[in-house]
Amino acid sequence: MSELTEKFENLRHRLKVDGLTAHHGLSGEVPYFILDYRPQDELYVRDEINQIVNGGPYGERQMNIKLFNLFDMMMDTLNEFGYTEIIYQFEMLLY
């Protein structure tokens, strides 16, 4: 089993046993899960995330899972402030 598959299995397990929703050790914050992965795993990750978001319920609790794509959010911010071209030029200097 790949490391990425293990991460998704761990997430599913935590959702089923209310590990993400029980708020243990949190000061009332909303729990979250951040996943880093290699670009070549993008299609696999999208499929797994869609299955999790649309696949509930998990355990006895009804959950409203919200998906936030940090990459999209960052790109929107860069575009809004006009930094996209500057970042692109900087990346071209690195490669």
Protein backbone atom coordinates (compact mmCIF):
# COMPACT_ATOMS: atom_id res chain seq x y z
CA MET A 1 0.00 0.00 0.00
CA SER A 2 1.43 3.37 -0.96
CA GLU A 3 1.95 6.18 1.53
CA LEU A 4 -0.79 8.20 -0.15
CA THR A 5 -3.27 5.32 0.04
CA GLU A 6 -2.43 4.94 3.74
CA LYS A 7 -3.15 8.64 4.30
CA PHE A 8 -6.60 8.29 2.76
CA GLU A 9 -7.33 5.11 4.72
CA ASN A 10 -6.28 6.91 7.91
CA LEU A 11 -8.59 9.83 7.08
CA ARG A 12 -11.53 7.51 6.40
CA HIS A 13 -10.89 5.71 9.69
CA ARG A 14 -10.76 9.00 11.60
CA LEU A 15 -14.01 10.12 10.02
CA LYS A 16 -15.74 6.85 10.97
CA VAL A 17 -14.63 6.86 14.60
CA ASP A 18 -15.37 10.58 15.06
CA GLY A 19 -11.69 11.38 15.51
CA LEU A 20 -11.95 14.52 13.42
CA THR A 21 -15.29 15.60 14.86
CA ALA A 22 -14.83 14.93 18.58
CA HIS A 23 -12.73 18.09 19.15
CA HIS A 24 -10.40 16.31 21.61
CA GLY A 25 -7.60 18.62 22.64
CA LEU A 26 -8.93 21.44 20.49
CA SER A 27 -10.26 24.68 21.90
CA GLY A 28 -13.45 24.44 19.88
CA GLU A 29 -11.64 24.81 16.57
CA VAL A 30 -12.97 23.14 13.48
CA PRO A 31 -10.75 20.15 12.69
CA TYR A 32 -9.06 20.03 9.31
CA PHE A 33 -6.93 17.70 7.23
CA ILE A 34 -4.18 18.92 4.91
CA LEU A 35 -2.79 16.55 2.32
CA ASP A 36 0.43 17.07 0.44
CA TYR A 37 1.18 14.91 -2.57
CA ARG A 38 3.25 14.70 -5.72
CA PRO A 39 1.86 16.39 -8.86
CA GLN A 40 1.72 13.06 -10.71
CA ASP A 41 -0.78 11.82 -8.06
CA GLU A 42 -3.26 14.62 -8.78
CA LEU A 43 -5.91 12.50 -10.55
CA TYR A 44 -5.79 9.82 -7.86
CA VAL A 45 -6.12 12.46 -5.12
CA ARG A 46 -9.07 14.16 -6.84
CA ASP A 47 -10.87 10.83 -7.13
CA GLU A 48 -10.26 9.92 -3.48
CA ILE A 49 -11.35 13.35 -2.24
CA ASN A 50 -14.55 13.22 -4.29
CA GLN A 51 -15.32 9.79 -2.83
CA ILE A 52 -14.79 11.08 0.71
CA VAL A 53 -16.74 14.32 0.26
CA ASN A 54 -19.67 12.60 -1.47
CA GLY A 55 -19.42 9.20 0.21
CA GLY A 56 -20.68 9.79 3.80
CA PRO A 57 -22.18 9.33 6.26
CA TYR A 58 -19.23 8.43 8.47
CA GLY A 59 -20.16 6.86 11.77
CA GLU A 60 -23.37 7.98 13.42
CA ARG A 61 -22.80 11.70 12.96
CA GLN A 62 -23.90 13.64 9.94
CA MET A 63 -21.01 15.77 8.71
CA ASN A 64 -20.87 18.61 6.29
CA ILE A 65 -17.44 18.22 4.69
CA LYS A 66 -16.11 21.35 3.04
CA LEU A 67 -13.30 21.15 0.54
CA PHE A 68 -10.85 24.04 0.29
CA ASN A 69 -8.19 23.84 -2.39
CA LEU A 70 -5.29 25.90 -1.04
CA PHE A 71 -3.60 26.01 -4.43
CA ASP A 72 -6.70 27.53 -6.06
CA MET A 73 -7.10 29.98 -3.19
CA MET A 74 -3.47 31.07 -3.50
CA MET A 75 -3.69 31.45 -7.27
CA ASP A 76 -6.85 33.56 -6.89
CA THR A 77 -5.02 35.81 -4.44
CA LEU A 78 -1.96 36.13 -6.70
CA ASN A 79 -4.22 36.98 -9.67
CA GLU A 80 -6.22 39.49 -7.64
CA PHE A 81 -3.11 41.44 -6.65
CA GLY A 82 -1.36 41.07 -10.01
CA TYR A 83 1.53 38.88 -8.85
CA THR A 84 0.98 35.91 -11.17
CA GLU A 85 3.37 37.08 -13.89
CA ILE A 86 6.06 38.03 -11.35
CA ILE A 87 5.88 34.58 -9.75
CA TYR A 88 6.02 32.93 -13.18
CA GLN A 89 9.12 34.91 -14.12
CA PHE A 90 10.76 34.04 -10.80
CA GLU A 91 10.08 30.34 -11.32
CA MET A 92 11.61 30.51 -14.80
CA LEU A 93 14.81 31.89 -13.25
CA LEU A 94 15.00 28.88 -10.93
CA TYR A 95 14.80 26.34 -13.74
